[in-house]
PDB file of all heavy atoms in Angstrom:
ATOM      1  N   ASP A   1     167.578  12.554 124.889  1.00  0.00           N
ATOM      2  CA  ASP A   1     166.593  13.600 125.184  1.00  0.00           C
ATOM      3  C   ASP A   1     166.071  14.224 123.893  1.00  0.00           C
ATOM      4  O   ASP A   1     164.885  14.524 123.772  1.00  0.00           O
ATOM      5  CB  ASP A   1     167.199  14.695 126.069  1.00  0.00           C
ATOM      6  CG  ASP A   1     167.464  14.223 127.497  1.00  0.00           C
ATOM      7  OD1 ASP A   1     166.946  13.148 127.896  1.00  0.00           O
ATOM      8  OD2 ASP A   1     168.198  14.932 128.211  1.00  0.00           O
ATOM      9  N   LEU A   2     166.970  14.423 122.922  1.00  0.00           N
ATOM     10  CA  LEU A   2     166.577  14.986 121.640  1.00  0.00           C
ATOM     11  C   LEU A   2     165.584  14.056 120.933  1.00  0.00           C
ATOM     12  O   LEU A   2     164.554  14.506 120.436  1.00  0.00           O
ATOM     13  CB  LEU A   2     167.818  15.217 120.770  1.00  0.00           C
ATOM     14  CG  LEU A   2     167.601  15.930 119.439  1.00  0.00           C
ATOM     15  CD1 LEU A   2     168.861  16.676 119.043  1.00  0.00           C
ATOM     16  CD2 LEU A   2     167.228  14.961 118.339  1.00  0.00           C
ATOM     17  N   VAL A   3     165.878  12.762 120.907  1.00  0.00           N
ATOM     18  CA  VAL A   3     164.991  11.796 120.245  1.00  0.00           C
ATOM     19  C   VAL A   3     163.625  11.787 120.935  1.00  0.00           C
ATOM     20  O   VAL A   3     162.583  11.832 120.272  1.00  0.00           O
ATOM     21  CB  VAL A   3     165.607  10.380 120.217  1.00  0.00           C
ATOM     22  CG1 VAL A   3     164.607   9.367 119.668  1.00  0.00           C
ATOM     23  CG2 VAL A   3     166.888  10.365 119.388  1.00  0.00           C
ATOM     24  N   LEU A   4     163.614  11.753 122.263  1.00  0.00           N
ATOM     25  CA  LEU A   4     162.343  11.764 122.996  1.00  0.00           C
ATOM     26  C   LEU A   4     161.591  13.080 122.765  1.00  0.00           C
ATOM     27  O   LEU A   4     160.362  13.084 122.639  1.00  0.00           O
ATOM     28  CB  LEU A   4     162.583  11.530 124.487  1.00  0.00           C
ATOM     29  CG  LEU A   4     163.076  10.129 124.847  1.00  0.00           C
ATOM     30  CD1 LEU A   4     163.483  10.063 126.313  1.00  0.00           C
ATOM     31  CD2 LEU A   4     162.029   9.066 124.519  1.00  0.00           C
ATOM     32  N   GLY A   5     162.337  14.195 122.661  1.00  0.00           N
ATOM     33  CA  GLY A   5     161.717  15.482 122.359  1.00  0.00           C
ATOM     34  C   GLY A   5     161.084  15.487 120.978  1.00  0.00           C
ATOM     35  O   GLY A   5     159.987  16.018 120.786  1.00  0.00           O
ATOM     36  N   TYR A   6     161.767  14.872 120.004  1.00  0.00           N
ATOM     37  CA  TYR A   6     161.219  14.763 118.648  1.00  0.00           C
ATOM     38  C   TYR A   6     159.909  13.967 118.673  1.00  0.00           C
ATOM     39  O   TYR A   6     158.913  14.370 118.073  1.00  0.00           O
ATOM     40  CB  TYR A   6     162.235  14.104 117.711  1.00  0.00           C
ATOM     41  CG  TYR A   6     161.696  13.834 116.326  1.00  0.00           C
ATOM     42  CD1 TYR A   6     161.842  14.774 115.307  1.00  0.00           C
ATOM     43  CD2 TYR A   6     161.030  12.647 116.027  1.00  0.00           C
ATOM     44  CE1 TYR A   6     161.340  14.542 114.038  1.00  0.00           C
ATOM     45  CE2 TYR A   6     160.523  12.412 114.763  1.00  0.00           C
ATOM     46  CZ  TYR A   6     160.674  13.357 113.776  1.00  0.00           C
ATOM     47  OH  TYR A   6     160.154  13.114 112.523  1.00  0.00           O
ATOM     48  N   VAL A   7     159.920  12.844 119.389  1.00  0.00           N
ATOM     49  CA  VAL A   7     158.715  12.003 119.472  1.00  0.00           C
ATOM     50  C   VAL A   7     157.574  12.800 120.111  1.00  0.00           C
ATOM     51  O   VAL A   7     156.436  12.778 119.617  1.00  0.00           O
ATOM     52  CB  VAL A   7     159.001  10.697 120.241  1.00  0.00           C
ATOM     53  CG1 VAL A   7     157.721   9.942 120.543  1.00  0.00           C
ATOM     54  CG2 VAL A   7     159.967   9.820 119.445  1.00  0.00           C
ATOM     55  N   ASP A   8     157.857  13.539 121.184  1.00  0.00           N
ATOM     56  CA  ASP A   8     156.829  14.373 121.823  1.00  0.00           C
ATOM     57  C   ASP A   8     156.328  15.443 120.859  1.00  0.00           C
ATOM     58  O   ASP A   8     155.124  15.701 120.777  1.00  0.00           O
ATOM     59  CB  ASP A   8     157.385  15.050 123.077  1.00  0.00           C
ATOM     60  CG  ASP A   8     157.554  14.086 124.248  1.00  0.00           C
ATOM     61  OD1 ASP A   8     156.999  12.954 124.197  1.00  0.00           O
ATOM     62  OD2 ASP A   8     158.242  14.463 125.220  1.00  0.00           O
ATOM     63  N   ALA A   9     157.258  16.081 120.141  1.00  0.00           N
ATOM     64  CA  ALA A   9     156.880  17.134 119.190  1.00  0.00           C
ATOM     65  C   ALA A   9     156.035  16.561 118.054  1.00  0.00           C
ATOM     66  O   ALA A   9     155.057  17.182 117.616  1.00  0.00           O
ATOM     67  CB  ALA A   9     158.129  17.824 118.642  1.00  0.00           C
ATOM     68  N   LEU A  10     156.388  15.364 117.588  1.00  0.00           N
ATOM     69  CA  LEU A  10     155.612  14.708 116.535  1.00  0.00           C
ATOM     70  C   LEU A  10     154.197  14.399 117.032  1.00  0.00           C
ATOM     71  O   LEU A  10     153.220  14.623 116.315  1.00  0.00           O
ATOM     72  CB  LEU A  10     156.320  13.430 116.086  1.00  0.00           C
ATOM     73  CG  LEU A  10     155.714  12.659 114.922  1.00  0.00           C
ATOM     74  CD1 LEU A  10     155.577  13.534 113.683  1.00  0.00           C
ATOM     75  CD2 LEU A  10     156.562  11.428 114.612  1.00  0.00           C
ATOM     76  N   ASN A  11     154.082  13.942 118.265  1.00  0.00           N
ATOM     77  CA  ASN A  11     152.757  13.693 118.850  1.00  0.00           C
ATOM     78  C   ASN A  11     151.959  14.987 118.968  1.00  0.00           C
ATOM     79  O   ASN A  11     150.751  15.004 118.715  1.00  0.00           O
ATOM     80  CB  ASN A  11     152.885  13.027 120.220  1.00  0.00           C
ATOM     81  CG  ASN A  11     153.309  11.579 120.114  1.00  0.00           C
ATOM     82  OD1 ASN A  11     153.080  10.914 119.109  1.00  0.00           O
ATOM     83  ND2 ASN A  11     153.953  11.083 121.150  1.00  0.00           N
ATOM     84  N   ALA A  12     152.624  16.090 119.331  1.00  0.00           N
ATOM     85  CA  ALA A  12     151.941  17.386 119.444  1.00  0.00           C
ATOM     86  C   ALA A  12     151.439  17.850 118.075  1.00  0.00           C
ATOM     87  O   ALA A  12     150.321  18.367 117.966  1.00  0.00           O
ATOM     88  CB  ALA A  12     152.885  18.424 120.053  1.00  0.00           C
ATOM     89  N   VAL A  13     152.255  17.649 117.034  1.00  0.00           N
ATOM     90  CA  VAL A  13     151.843  17.993 115.664  1.00  0.00           C
ATOM     91  C   VAL A  13     150.612  17.169 115.286  1.00  0.00           C
ATOM     92  O   VAL A  13     149.636  17.694 114.745  1.00  0.00           O
ATOM     93  CB  VAL A  13     152.998  17.741 114.662  1.00  0.00           C
ATOM     94  CG1 VAL A  13     152.486  17.720 113.225  1.00  0.00           C
ATOM     95  CG2 VAL A  13     154.091  18.770 114.832  1.00  0.00           C
ATOM     96  N   ASP A  14     150.651  15.876 115.578  1.00  0.00           N
ATOM     97  CA  ASP A  14     149.540  14.977 115.266  1.00  0.00           C
ATOM     98  C   ASP A  14     148.260  15.449 115.963  1.00  0.00           C
ATOM     99  O   ASP A  14     147.214  15.567 115.334  1.00  0.00           O
ATOM    100  CB  ASP A  14     149.908  13.551 115.688  1.00  0.00           C
ATOM    101  CG  ASP A  14     148.867  12.531 115.257  1.00  0.00           C
ATOM    102  OD1 ASP A  14     148.406  12.594 114.097  1.00  0.00           O
ATOM    103  OD2 ASP A  14     148.508  11.661 116.085  1.00  0.00           O
ATOM    104  N   GLU A  15     148.349  15.746 117.252  1.00  0.00           N
ATOM    105  CA  GLU A  15     147.171  16.200 118.006  1.00  0.00           C
ATOM    106  C   GLU A  15     146.634  17.522 117.462  1.00  0.00           C
ATOM    107  O   GLU A  15     145.422  17.680 117.295  1.00  0.00           O
ATOM    108  CB  GLU A  15     147.514  16.353 119.485  1.00  0.00           C
ATOM    109  CG  GLU A  15     147.680  15.032 120.200  1.00  0.00           C
ATOM    110  CD  GLU A  15     148.162  15.201 121.641  1.00  0.00           C
ATOM    111  OE1 GLU A  15     148.032  16.319 122.205  1.00  0.00           O
ATOM    112  OE2 GLU A  15     148.670  14.212 122.202  1.00  0.00           O
ATOM    113  N   ALA A  16     147.525  18.472 117.190  1.00  0.00           N
ATOM    114  CA  ALA A  16     147.100  19.780 116.685  1.00  0.00           C
ATOM    115  C   ALA A  16     146.447  19.650 115.309  1.00  0.00           C
ATOM    116  O   ALA A  16     145.452  20.313 115.020  1.00  0.00           O
ATOM    117  CB  ALA A  16     148.290  20.731 116.616  1.00  0.00           C
ATOM    118  N   THR A  17     147.012  18.779 114.475  1.00  0.00           N
ATOM    119  CA  THR A  17     146.476  18.587 113.132  1.00  0.00           C
ATOM    120  C   THR A  17     145.092  17.954 113.187  1.00  0.00           C
ATOM    121  O   THR A  17     144.170  18.388 112.505  1.00  0.00           O
ATOM    122  CB  THR A  17     147.447  17.717 112.300  1.00  0.00           C
ATOM    123  OG1 THR A  17     148.723  18.347 112.297  1.00  0.00           O
ATOM    124  CG2 THR A  17     146.965  17.566 110.877  1.00  0.00           C
ATOM    125  N   ARG A  18     144.940  16.943 114.031  1.00  0.00           N
ATOM    126  CA  ARG A  18     143.623  16.302 114.153  1.00  0.00           C
ATOM    127  C   ARG A  18     142.591  17.230 114.775  1.00  0.00           C
ATOM    128  O   ARG A  18     141.415  17.156 114.446  1.00  0.00           O
ATOM    129  CB  ARG A  18     143.736  15.043 115.003  1.00  0.00           C
ATOM    130  CG  ARG A  18     144.462  13.923 114.308  1.00  0.00           C
ATOM    131  CD  ARG A  18     144.398  12.737 115.204  1.00  0.00           C
ATOM    132  NE  ARG A  18     145.473  11.801 115.012  1.00  0.00           N
ATOM    133  CZ  ARG A  18     145.270  10.496 115.054  1.00  0.00           C
ATOM    134  NH1 ARG A  18     144.068  10.021 115.258  1.00  0.00           N
ATOM    135  NH2 ARG A  18     146.280   9.681 114.904  1.00  0.00           N
ATOM    136  N   ALA A  19     143.027  18.104 115.685  1.00  0.00           N
ATOM    137  CA  ALA A  19     142.097  19.070 116.290  1.00  0.00           C
ATOM    138  C   ALA A  19     141.618  20.069 115.243  1.00  0.00           C
ATOM    139  O   ALA A  19     140.464  20.489 115.255  1.00  0.00           O
ATOM    140  CB  ALA A  19     142.780  19.794 117.451  1.00  0.00           C
ATOM    141  N   THR A  20     142.503  20.438 114.307  1.00  0.00           N
ATOM    142  CA  THR A  20     142.158  21.402 113.266  1.00  0.00           C
ATOM    143  C   THR A  20     141.364  20.751 112.134  1.00  0.00           C
ATOM    144  O   THR A  20     140.465  21.366 111.570  1.00  0.00           O
ATOM    145  CB  THR A  20     143.449  22.041 112.697  1.00  0.00           C
ATOM    146  OG1 THR A  20     144.203  22.597 113.790  1.00  0.00           O
ATOM    147  CG2 THR A  20     143.133  23.134 111.708  1.00  0.00           C
ATOM    148  N   ILE A  21     141.717  19.499 111.808  1.00  0.00           N
ATOM    149  CA  ILE A  21     141.044  18.777 110.713  1.00  0.00           C
ATOM    150  C   ILE A  21     140.505  17.461 111.292  1.00  0.00           C
ATOM    151  O   ILE A  21     141.163  16.414 111.205  1.00  0.00           O
ATOM    152  CB  ILE A  21     142.015  18.497 109.545  1.00  0.00           C
ATOM    153  CG1 ILE A  21     142.713  19.785 109.101  1.00  0.00           C
ATOM    154  CG2 ILE A  21     141.269  17.869 108.360  1.00  0.00           C
ATOM    155  CD1 ILE A  21     143.856  19.549 108.139  1.00  0.00           C
ATOM    156  N   PRO A  22     139.319  17.507 111.915  1.00  0.00           N
ATOM    157  CA  PRO A  22     138.795  16.316 112.606  1.00  0.00           C
ATOM    158  C   PRO A  22     138.620  15.082 111.730  1.00  0.00           C
ATOM    159  O   PRO A  22     138.618  13.962 112.239  1.00  0.00           O
ATOM    160  CB  PRO A  22     137.436  16.796 113.147  1.00  0.00           C
ATOM    161  CG  PRO A  22     137.545  18.285 113.204  1.00  0.00           C
ATOM    162  CD  PRO A  22     138.461  18.668 112.076  1.00  0.00           C
ATOM    163  N   SER A  23     138.526  15.259 110.404  1.00  0.00           N
ATOM    164  CA  SER A  23     138.338  14.101 109.522  1.00  0.00           C
ATOM    165  C   SER A  23     139.615  13.268 109.381  1.00  0.00           C
ATOM    166  O   SER A  23     139.563  12.153 108.857  1.00  0.00           O
ATOM    167  CB  SER A  23     137.854  14.555 108.146  1.00  0.00           C
ATOM    168  OG  SER A  23     138.844  15.368 107.531  1.00  0.00           O
ATOM    169  N   LEU A  24     140.757  13.791 109.820  1.00  0.00           N
ATOM    170  CA  LEU A  24     142.015  13.042 109.711  1.00  0.00           C
ATOM    171  C   LEU A  24     141.996  11.838 110.634  1.00  0.00           C
ATOM    172  O   LEU A  24     141.702  11.961 111.814  1.00  0.00           O
ATOM    173  CB  LEU A  24     143.217  13.906 110.112  1.00  0.00           C
ATOM    174  CG  LEU A  24     143.770  14.908 109.128  1.00  0.00           C
ATOM    175  CD1 LEU A  24     145.051  15.508 109.682  1.00  0.00           C
ATOM    176  CD2 LEU A  24     144.029  14.314 107.784  1.00  0.00           C
ATOM    177  N   GLU A  25     142.335  10.676 110.074  1.00  0.00           N
ATOM    178  CA  GLU A  25     142.469   9.480 110.905  1.00  0.00           C
ATOM    179  C   GLU A  25     143.896   9.347 111.402  1.00  0.00           C
ATOM    180  O   GLU A  25     144.152   8.789 112.447  1.00  0.00           O
ATOM    181  CB  GLU A  25     142.055   8.242 110.125  1.00  0.00           C
ATOM    182  CG  GLU A  25     140.550   8.181 109.903  1.00  0.00           C
ATOM    183  CD  GLU A  25     140.135   6.912 109.188  1.00  0.00           C
ATOM    184  OE1 GLU A  25     140.783   5.865 109.383  1.00  0.00           O
ATOM    185  OE2 GLU A  25     139.154   6.982 108.437  1.00  0.00           O
ATOM    186  N   ARG A  26     144.840   9.848 110.603  1.00  0.00           N
ATOM    187  CA  ARG A  26     146.262   9.783 110.958  1.00  0.00           C
ATOM    188  C   ARG A  26     146.974  10.912 110.231  1.00  0.00           C
ATOM    189  O   ARG A  26     146.461  11.464 109.246  1.00  0.00           O
ATOM    190  CB  ARG A  26     146.846   8.420 110.593  1.00  0.00           C
ATOM    191  CG  ARG A  26     146.685   8.133 109.127  1.00  0.00           C
ATOM    192  CD  ARG A  26     147.005   6.745 108.748  1.00  0.00           C
ATOM    193  NE  ARG A  26     146.865   6.687 107.294  1.00  0.00           N
ATOM    194  CZ  ARG A  26     147.086   5.644 106.575  1.00  0.00           C
ATOM    195  NH1 ARG A  26     147.477   4.535 107.141  1.00  0.00           N
ATOM    196  NH2 ARG A  26     146.942   5.669 105.274  1.00  0.00           N
ATOM    197  N   LEU A  27     148.155  11.243 110.718  1.00  0.00           N
ATOM    198  CA  LEU A  27     148.898  12.374 110.167  1.00  0.00           C
ATOM    199  C   LEU A  27     149.203  12.199 108.679  1.00  0.00           C
ATOM    200  O   LEU A  27     149.187  13.158 107.922  1.00  0.00           O
ATOM    201  CB  LEU A  27     150.199  12.553 110.970  1.00  0.00           C
ATOM    202  CG  LEU A  27     150.916  13.886 110.841  1.00  0.00           C
ATOM    203  CD1 LEU A  27     149.992  15.064 111.131  1.00  0.00           C
ATOM    204  CD2 LEU A  27     152.111  13.929 111.773  1.00  0.00           C
ATOM    205  N   ALA A  28     149.442  10.968 108.241  1.00  0.00           N
ATOM    206  CA  ALA A  28     149.762  10.714 106.826  1.00  0.00           C
ATOM    207  C   ALA A  28     148.640  11.151 105.889  1.00  0.00           C
ATOM    208  O   ALA A  28     148.880  11.403 104.711  1.00  0.00           O
ATOM    209  CB  ALA A  28     150.069   9.231 106.619  1.00  0.00           C
ATOM    210  N   ASP A  29     147.418  11.266 106.414  1.00  0.00           N
ATOM    211  CA  ASP A  29     146.300  11.688 105.577  1.00  0.00           C
ATOM    212  C   ASP A  29     146.466  13.110 105.056  1.00  0.00           C
ATOM    213  O   ASP A  29     145.817  13.498 104.094  1.00  0.00           O
ATOM    214  CB  ASP A  29     144.976  11.558 106.340  1.00  0.00           C
ATOM    215  CG  ASP A  29     144.624  10.105 106.644  1.00  0.00           C
ATOM    216  OD1 ASP A  29     145.205   9.194 106.004  1.00  0.00           O
ATOM    217  OD2 ASP A  29     143.787   9.876 107.536  1.00  0.00           O
ATOM    218  N   VAL A  30     147.366  13.891 105.682  1.00  0.00           N
ATOM    219  CA  VAL A  30     147.672  15.232 105.172  1.00  0.00           C
ATOM    220  C   VAL A  30     148.131  15.138 103.714  1.00  0.00           C
ATOM    221  O   VAL A  30     147.740  15.948 102.874  1.00  0.00           O
ATOM    222  CB  VAL A  30     148.754  15.915 106.050  1.00  0.00           C
ATOM    223  CG1 VAL A  30     149.324  17.144 105.362  1.00  0.00           C
ATOM    224  CG2 VAL A  30     148.175  16.281 107.413  1.00  0.00           C
ATOM    225  N   LEU A  31     148.940  14.114 103.394  1.00  0.00           N
ATOM    226  CA  LEU A  31     149.416  13.952 102.015  1.00  0.00           C
ATOM    227  C   LEU A  31     148.248  13.754 101.052  1.00  0.00           C
ATOM    228  O   LEU A  31     148.229  14.341  99.970  1.00  0.00           O
ATOM    229  CB  LEU A  31     150.378  12.764 101.904  1.00  0.00           C
ATOM    230  CG  LEU A  31     151.691  12.849 102.673  1.00  0.00           C
ATOM    231  CD1 LEU A  31     152.550  11.622 102.377  1.00  0.00           C
ATOM    232  CD2 LEU A  31     152.440  14.113 102.367  1.00  0.00           C
ATOM    233  N   ASP A  32     147.285  12.926 101.446  1.00  0.00           N
ATOM    234  CA  ASP A  32     146.119  12.688 100.583  1.00  0.00           C
ATOM    235  C   ASP A  32     145.321  13.973 100.368  1.00  0.00           C
ATOM    236  O   ASP A  32     144.847  14.233  99.262  1.00  0.00           O
ATOM    237  CB  ASP A  32     145.216  11.610 101.185  1.00  0.00           C
ATOM    238  CG  ASP A  32     145.899  10.254 101.261  1.00  0.00           C
ATOM    239  OD1 ASP A  32     146.812   9.992 100.440  1.00  0.00           O
ATOM    240  OD2 ASP A  32     145.527   9.455 102.147  1.00  0.00           O
ATOM    241  N   LEU A  33     145.168  14.759 101.448  1.00  0.00           N
ATOM    242  CA  LEU A  33     144.410  16.011 101.333  1.00  0.00           C
ATOM    243  C   LEU A  33     145.116  16.996 100.402  1.00  0.00           C
ATOM    244  O   LEU A  33     144.470  17.739  99.671  1.00  0.00           O
ATOM    245  CB  LEU A  33     144.203  16.641 102.711  1.00  0.00           C
ATOM    246  CG  LEU A  33     143.333  15.850 103.678  1.00  0.00           C
ATOM    247  CD1 LEU A  33     143.264  16.559 105.022  1.00  0.00           C
ATOM    248  CD2 LEU A  33     141.932  15.642 103.113  1.00  0.00           C
ATOM    249  N   VAL A  34     146.434  16.993 100.414  1.00  0.00           N
ATOM    250  CA  VAL A  34     147.188  17.876  99.517  1.00  0.00           C
ATOM    251  C   VAL A  34     147.115  17.356  98.088  1.00  0.00           C
ATOM    252  O   VAL A  34     146.853  18.111  97.153  1.00  0.00           O
ATOM    253  CB  VAL A  34     148.658  18.000  99.979  1.00  0.00           C
ATOM    254  CG1 VAL A  34     149.516  18.651  98.912  1.00  0.00           C
ATOM    255  CG2 VAL A  34     148.733  18.793 101.275  1.00  0.00           C
ATOM    256  N   ARG A  35     147.314  16.049  97.914  1.00  0.00           N
ATOM    257  CA  ARG A  35     147.313  15.479  96.556  1.00  0.00           C
ATOM    258  C   ARG A  35     145.953  15.596  95.888  1.00  0.00           C
ATOM    259  O   ARG A  35     145.861  15.760  94.679  1.00  0.00           O
ATOM    260  CB  ARG A  35     147.767  14.023  96.609  1.00  0.00           C
ATOM    261  CG  ARG A  35     149.245  13.945  96.923  1.00  0.00           C
ATOM    262  CD  ARG A  35     149.786  12.533  96.904  1.00  0.00           C
ATOM    263  NE  ARG A  35     151.206  12.570  97.231  1.00  0.00           N
ATOM    264  CZ  ARG A  35     151.785  11.787  98.118  1.00  0.00           C
ATOM    265  NH1 ARG A  35     151.084  10.862  98.754  1.00  0.00           N
ATOM    266  NH2 ARG A  35     153.065  11.896  98.370  1.00  0.00           N
ATOM    267  N   SER A  36     144.877  15.502  96.675  1.00  0.00           N
ATOM    268  CA  SER A  36     143.539  15.627  96.101  1.00  0.00           C
ATOM    269  C   SER A  36     143.182  17.088  95.835  1.00  0.00           C
ATOM    270  O   SER A  36     142.188  17.376  95.183  1.00  0.00           O
ATOM    271  CB  SER A  36     142.506  15.001  97.037  1.00  0.00           C
ATOM    272  OG  SER A  36     142.393  15.783  98.223  1.00  0.00           O
ATOM    273  N   ARG A  37     143.997  18.000  96.378  1.00  0.00           N
ATOM    274  CA  ARG A  37     143.800  19.449  96.221  1.00  0.00           C
ATOM    275  C   ARG A  37     142.431  19.908  96.702  1.00  0.00           C
ATOM    276  O   ARG A  37     141.919  20.927  96.252  1.00  0.00           O
ATOM    277  CB  ARG A  37     144.008  19.874  94.769  1.00  0.00           C
ATOM    278  CG  ARG A  37     145.422  19.681  94.291  1.00  0.00           C
ATOM    279  CD  ARG A  37     145.588  20.203  92.872  1.00  0.00           C
ATOM    280  NE  ARG A  37     146.954  20.097  92.421  1.00  0.00           N
ATOM    281  CZ  ARG A  37     147.501  18.986  91.941  1.00  0.00           C
ATOM    282  NH1 ARG A  37     146.793  17.891  91.861  1.00  0.00           N
ATOM    283  NH2 ARG A  37     148.755  18.977  91.540  1.00  0.00           N
ATOM    284  N   GLN A  38     141.827  19.148  97.602  1.00  0.00           N
ATOM    285  CA  GLN A  38     140.492  19.529  98.058  1.00  0.00           C
ATOM    286  C   GLN A  38     140.538  20.451  99.272  1.00  0.00           C
ATOM    287  O   GLN A  38     139.780  21.406  99.356  1.00  0.00           O
ATOM    288  CB  GLN A  38     139.670  18.290  98.407  1.00  0.00           C
ATOM    289  CG  GLN A  38     139.336  17.463  97.196  1.00  0.00           C
ATOM    290  CD  GLN A  38     138.637  16.173  97.564  1.00  0.00           C
ATOM    291  OE1 GLN A  38     138.702  15.723  98.697  1.00  0.00           O
ATOM    292  NE2 GLN A  38     137.978  15.573  96.602  1.00  0.00           N
ATOM    293  N   ILE A  39     141.406  20.136 100.230  1.00  0.00           N
ATOM    294  CA  ILE A  39     141.372  20.882 101.485  1.00  0.00           C
ATOM    295  C   ILE A  39     142.648  21.678 101.715  1.00  0.00           C
ATOM    296  O   ILE A  39     142.599  22.833 102.117  1.00  0.00           O
ATOM    297  CB  ILE A  39     141.133  19.917 102.672  1.00  0.00           C
ATOM    298  CG1 ILE A  39     139.765  19.257 102.506  1.00  0.00           C
ATOM    299  CG2 ILE A  39     141.217  20.646 103.992  1.00  0.00           C
ATOM    300  CD1 ILE A  39     139.441  18.244 103.566  1.00  0.00           C
ATOM    301  N   LEU A  40     143.783  21.063 101.435  1.00  0.00           N
ATOM    302  CA  LEU A  40     145.057  21.696 101.766  1.00  0.00           C
ATOM    303  C   LEU A  40     145.908  21.957 100.532  1.00  0.00           C
ATOM    304  O   LEU A  40     145.938  21.146  99.616  1.00  0.00           O
ATOM    305  CB  LEU A  40     145.865  20.783 102.707  1.00  0.00           C
ATOM    306  CG  LEU A  40     145.278  20.507 104.086  1.00  0.00           C
ATOM    307  CD1 LEU A  40     146.149  19.496 104.821  1.00  0.00           C
ATOM    308  CD2 LEU A  40     145.161  21.780 104.887  1.00  0.00           C
TER     309      LEU A  40
END
């Protein structure tokens, strides 16, 4: 149940992040946005 909850929570993070930053193609793009120091 914990593992399935983690997977659900990870999906919720992904959805919330994409809703806030529509240009994101995938959650890993957060790293690029931070490293480029442009948005995050």
